[in-house]
Amino acid sequence: MAERRKFKKRYCKYCEAKVEFIDYKDLAMFKFSLSERFKIMPRRLTGNCKKHQEMVTVAIKRARQTALIPYIVDRKNVVENPFEFIK
């Protein structure tokens, strides 16, 4: 029989840092929860807990509405590193 792969346990970065609130203006905090095309990454990939994933989602949506983060990245104008303006 084939052996099952053992993956390392993903952990919530925000629980480890004891973050109580994720602010939409702090772009560096939730930069790791976005893909190259600025899509929100799911919990199973980021390892966030449910509470912090919901806070990240709300913060990203608020940042999009205030034009801090684009809604979509144009396929025709490809940027090498879309996070270079987020510091």
N, C-alpha and C. Protein backbone atom coordinates (compact mmCIF):
# COMPACT_ATOMS: atom_id res chain seq x y z
N MET A 1 0.83 -1.20 0.00
CA MET A 1 0.00 0.00 0.00
C MET A 1 0.86 1.25 0.00
N ALA A 2 0.34 2.26 -0.61
CA ALA A 2 1.07 3.51 -0.67
C ALA A 2 1.02 4.22 0.68
N GLU A 3 2.13 4.80 1.05
CA GLU A 3 2.17 5.53 2.31
C GLU A 3 1.54 6.90 2.14
N ARG A 4 0.88 7.33 3.18
CA ARG A 4 0.26 8.65 3.13
C ARG A 4 1.32 9.71 3.38
N ARG A 5 1.18 10.80 2.66
CA ARG A 5 2.11 11.91 2.87
C ARG A 5 1.79 12.60 4.18
N LYS A 6 2.82 13.01 4.84
CA LYS A 6 2.62 13.75 6.08
C LYS A 6 3.00 15.20 5.83
N PHE A 7 2.01 16.04 5.95
CA PHE A 7 2.23 17.46 5.75
C PHE A 7 2.45 18.11 7.11
N LYS A 8 3.22 19.18 7.09
CA LYS A 8 3.42 19.88 8.36
C LYS A 8 2.16 20.66 8.71
N LYS A 9 1.92 20.79 9.97
CA LYS A 9 0.74 21.48 10.46
C LYS A 9 0.85 22.96 10.19
N ARG A 10 -0.16 23.51 9.55
CA ARG A 10 -0.19 24.95 9.31
C ARG A 10 -0.71 25.62 10.57
N TYR A 11 -0.21 26.80 10.84
CA TYR A 11 -0.61 27.52 12.04
C TYR A 11 -1.03 28.93 11.68
N CYS A 12 -1.82 29.50 12.51
CA CYS A 12 -2.32 30.86 12.29
C CYS A 12 -1.25 31.86 12.74
N LYS A 13 -0.79 32.68 11.82
CA LYS A 13 0.24 33.68 12.13
C LYS A 13 -0.30 34.74 13.09
N TYR A 14 -1.59 35.01 12.96
CA TYR A 14 -2.19 36.06 13.77
C TYR A 14 -2.40 35.59 15.22
N CYS A 15 -2.74 34.31 15.40
CA CYS A 15 -2.88 33.77 16.76
C CYS A 15 -1.52 33.73 17.45
N GLU A 16 -0.50 33.37 16.68
CA GLU A 16 0.84 33.29 17.25
C GLU A 16 1.34 34.68 17.69
N ALA A 17 0.99 35.72 16.91
CA ALA A 17 1.39 37.09 17.24
C ALA A 17 0.40 37.75 18.20
N LYS A 18 -0.67 37.04 18.55
CA LYS A 18 -1.71 37.54 19.46
C LYS A 18 -2.33 38.84 18.96
N VAL A 19 -2.74 38.82 17.70
CA VAL A 19 -3.38 39.98 17.07
C VAL A 19 -4.86 39.96 17.41
N GLU A 20 -5.37 41.09 17.91
CA GLU A 20 -6.77 41.20 18.27
C GLU A 20 -7.62 41.75 17.13
N PHE A 21 -7.04 42.66 16.34
CA PHE A 21 -7.79 43.32 15.27
C PHE A 21 -6.87 43.53 14.08
N ILE A 22 -7.37 43.29 12.89
CA ILE A 22 -6.59 43.49 11.66
C ILE A 22 -7.13 44.74 10.98
N ASP A 23 -6.31 45.76 10.89
CA ASP A 23 -6.73 47.04 10.32
C ASP A 23 -6.56 47.01 8.81
N TYR A 24 -7.50 47.60 8.09
CA TYR A 24 -7.45 47.59 6.63
C TYR A 24 -6.34 48.49 6.08
N LYS A 25 -5.85 49.42 6.90
CA LYS A 25 -4.79 50.32 6.44
C LYS A 25 -3.40 49.71 6.54
N ASP A 26 -3.28 48.65 7.32
CA ASP A 26 -1.99 47.98 7.48
C ASP A 26 -1.84 46.90 6.41
N LEU A 27 -1.39 47.30 5.23
CA LEU A 27 -1.34 46.40 4.08
C LEU A 27 -0.29 45.31 4.24
N ALA A 28 0.76 45.57 4.96
CA ALA A 28 1.82 44.57 5.13
C ALA A 28 1.34 43.39 5.96
N MET A 29 0.34 43.62 6.81
CA MET A 29 -0.12 42.55 7.68
C MET A 29 -0.85 41.46 6.90
N PHE A 30 -1.71 41.84 5.96
CA PHE A 30 -2.46 40.82 5.24
C PHE A 30 -1.95 40.61 3.81
N LYS A 31 -0.73 41.03 3.56
CA LYS A 31 -0.12 40.82 2.25
C LYS A 31 0.04 39.34 1.92
N PHE A 32 0.25 38.50 2.93
CA PHE A 32 0.46 37.07 2.71
C PHE A 32 -0.85 36.32 2.49
N SER A 33 -1.98 37.01 2.67
CA SER A 33 -3.27 36.38 2.44
C SER A 33 -3.81 36.69 1.05
N LEU A 34 -3.00 37.31 0.21
CA LEU A 34 -3.41 37.65 -1.15
C LEU A 34 -2.53 36.91 -2.15
N SER A 35 -3.11 36.52 -3.28
CA SER A 35 -2.34 35.87 -4.33
C SER A 35 -1.69 36.94 -5.21
N GLU A 36 -1.00 36.51 -6.26
CA GLU A 36 -0.33 37.46 -7.16
C GLU A 36 -1.33 38.36 -7.86
N ARG A 37 -2.54 37.86 -8.05
CA ARG A 37 -3.58 38.63 -8.72
C ARG A 37 -4.52 39.30 -7.72
N PHE A 38 -4.08 39.42 -6.49
CA PHE A 38 -4.83 40.08 -5.41
C PHE A 38 -6.14 39.38 -5.10
N LYS A 39 -6.17 38.06 -5.23
CA LYS A 39 -7.33 37.30 -4.79
C LYS A 39 -7.09 36.86 -3.35
N ILE A 40 -8.15 36.73 -2.59
CA ILE A 40 -8.03 36.30 -1.20
C ILE A 40 -7.77 34.80 -1.18
N MET A 41 -6.70 34.40 -0.51
CA MET A 41 -6.34 32.99 -0.45
C MET A 41 -7.16 32.29 0.64
N PRO A 42 -7.53 31.04 0.43
CA PRO A 42 -8.35 30.33 1.41
C PRO A 42 -7.58 29.92 2.65
N ARG A 43 -8.32 29.54 3.67
CA ARG A 43 -7.74 29.14 4.95
C ARG A 43 -6.83 27.93 4.82
N ARG A 44 -7.19 27.00 3.97
CA ARG A 44 -6.41 25.77 3.86
C ARG A 44 -5.02 26.03 3.31
N LEU A 45 -4.84 27.14 2.59
CA LEU A 45 -3.52 27.48 2.06
C LEU A 45 -2.73 28.39 3.00
N THR A 46 -3.42 29.32 3.65
CA THR A 46 -2.71 30.26 4.52
C THR A 46 -2.51 29.72 5.92
N GLY A 47 -3.41 28.84 6.37
CA GLY A 47 -3.30 28.29 7.72
C GLY A 47 -3.95 29.15 8.78
N ASN A 48 -4.68 30.16 8.37
CA ASN A 48 -5.33 31.04 9.35
C ASN A 48 -6.49 30.30 10.03
N CYS A 49 -6.77 30.72 11.26
CA CYS A 49 -7.95 30.18 11.94
C CYS A 49 -9.19 30.91 11.39
N LYS A 50 -10.35 30.39 11.74
CA LYS A 50 -11.59 30.94 11.18
C LYS A 50 -11.80 32.40 11.58
N LYS A 51 -11.54 32.71 12.83
CA LYS A 51 -11.74 34.07 13.33
C LYS A 51 -10.86 35.07 12.59
N HIS A 52 -9.58 34.75 12.44
CA HIS A 52 -8.67 35.68 11.79
C HIS A 52 -8.86 35.70 10.27
N GLN A 53 -9.29 34.59 9.67
CA GLN A 53 -9.56 34.60 8.24
C GLN A 53 -10.73 35.54 7.93
N GLU A 54 -11.75 35.53 8.77
CA GLU A 54 -12.87 36.44 8.57
C GLU A 54 -12.43 37.89 8.73
N MET A 55 -11.56 38.16 9.70
CA MET A 55 -11.05 39.52 9.89
C MET A 55 -10.20 39.96 8.70
N VAL A 56 -9.39 39.06 8.17
CA VAL A 56 -8.56 39.37 7.00
C VAL A 56 -9.44 39.66 5.80
N THR A 57 -10.48 38.86 5.61
CA THR A 57 -11.39 39.06 4.48
C THR A 57 -12.06 40.42 4.54
N VAL A 58 -12.55 40.79 5.71
CA VAL A 58 -13.20 42.10 5.87
C VAL A 58 -12.20 43.22 5.64
N ALA A 59 -10.98 43.07 6.15
CA ALA A 59 -9.96 44.11 5.98
C ALA A 59 -9.57 44.27 4.51
N ILE A 60 -9.44 43.16 3.79
CA ILE A 60 -9.09 43.24 2.36
C ILE A 60 -10.21 43.90 1.57
N LYS A 61 -11.45 43.54 1.88
CA LYS A 61 -12.57 44.15 1.18
C LYS A 61 -12.67 45.64 1.46
N ARG A 62 -12.38 46.06 2.67
CA ARG A 62 -12.38 47.49 3.00
C ARG A 62 -11.24 48.21 2.31
N ALA A 63 -10.07 47.57 2.23
CA ALA A 63 -8.93 48.18 1.55
C ALA A 63 -9.19 48.32 0.06
N ARG A 64 -9.91 47.37 -0.52
CA ARG A 64 -10.27 47.47 -1.94
C ARG A 64 -11.23 48.63 -2.15
N GLN A 65 -12.17 48.79 -1.24
CA GLN A 65 -13.16 49.84 -1.41
C GLN A 65 -12.53 51.23 -1.26
N THR A 66 -11.49 51.35 -0.45
CA THR A 66 -10.81 52.64 -0.30
C THR A 66 -9.67 52.80 -1.30
N ALA A 67 -9.55 51.87 -2.25
CA ALA A 67 -8.57 51.92 -3.35
C ALA A 67 -7.13 51.77 -2.88
N LEU A 68 -6.91 51.08 -1.77
CA LEU A 68 -5.55 50.77 -1.35
C LEU A 68 -5.03 49.53 -2.06
N ILE A 69 -5.94 48.64 -2.44
CA ILE A 69 -5.61 47.41 -3.16
C ILE A 69 -6.53 47.35 -4.38
N PRO A 70 -6.01 46.94 -5.53
CA PRO A 70 -6.90 46.83 -6.70
C PRO A 70 -7.83 45.63 -6.58
N TYR A 71 -8.98 45.72 -7.24
CA TYR A 71 -9.90 44.60 -7.26
C TYR A 71 -9.35 43.47 -8.11
N ILE A 72 -8.84 43.81 -9.29
CA ILE A 72 -8.28 42.81 -10.19
C ILE A 72 -6.97 43.34 -10.76
N VAL A 73 -6.15 42.42 -11.25
CA VAL A 73 -4.93 42.80 -11.94
C VAL A 73 -5.14 42.47 -13.40
N ASP A 74 -4.87 43.42 -14.28
CA ASP A 74 -5.09 43.24 -15.70
C ASP A 74 -4.13 42.20 -16.27
N ARG A 75 -4.64 41.29 -17.05
CA ARG A 75 -3.80 40.24 -17.63
C ARG A 75 -2.87 40.78 -18.70
N LYS A 76 -3.30 41.84 -19.38
CA LYS A 76 -2.50 42.37 -20.48
C LYS A 76 -1.29 43.15 -19.98
N ASN A 77 -1.46 43.88 -18.89
CA ASN A 77 -0.36 44.64 -18.31
C ASN A 77 0.18 43.87 -17.11
N VAL A 78 1.01 42.88 -17.39
CA VAL A 78 1.53 42.02 -16.34
C VAL A 78 2.64 42.74 -15.58
N VAL A 79 2.54 42.72 -14.26
CA VAL A 79 3.54 43.31 -13.40
C VAL A 79 4.34 42.17 -12.78
N GLU A 80 5.66 42.32 -12.73
CA GLU A 80 6.49 41.25 -12.18
C GLU A 80 6.18 41.00 -10.71
N ASN A 81 6.15 42.06 -9.93
CA ASN A 81 5.88 41.92 -8.51
C ASN A 81 4.75 42.88 -8.13
N PRO A 82 3.51 42.38 -8.00
CA PRO A 82 2.41 43.28 -7.69
C PRO A 82 2.46 43.85 -6.28
N PHE A 83 3.29 43.26 -5.39
CA PHE A 83 3.35 43.73 -4.01
C PHE A 83 4.45 44.75 -3.79
N GLU A 84 5.07 45.22 -4.86
CA GLU A 84 6.20 46.15 -4.65
C GLU A 84 5.76 47.49 -4.09
N PHE A 85 4.49 47.87 -4.34
CA PHE A 85 4.03 49.14 -3.77
C PHE A 85 3.52 48.97 -2.36
N ILE A 86 3.32 47.73 -1.91
CA ILE A 86 2.92 47.47 -0.53
C ILE A 86 4.17 47.25 0.30
N LYS A 87 4.44 48.12 1.22
CA LYS A 87 5.65 48.00 2.05
C LYS A 87 5.32 48.11 3.49
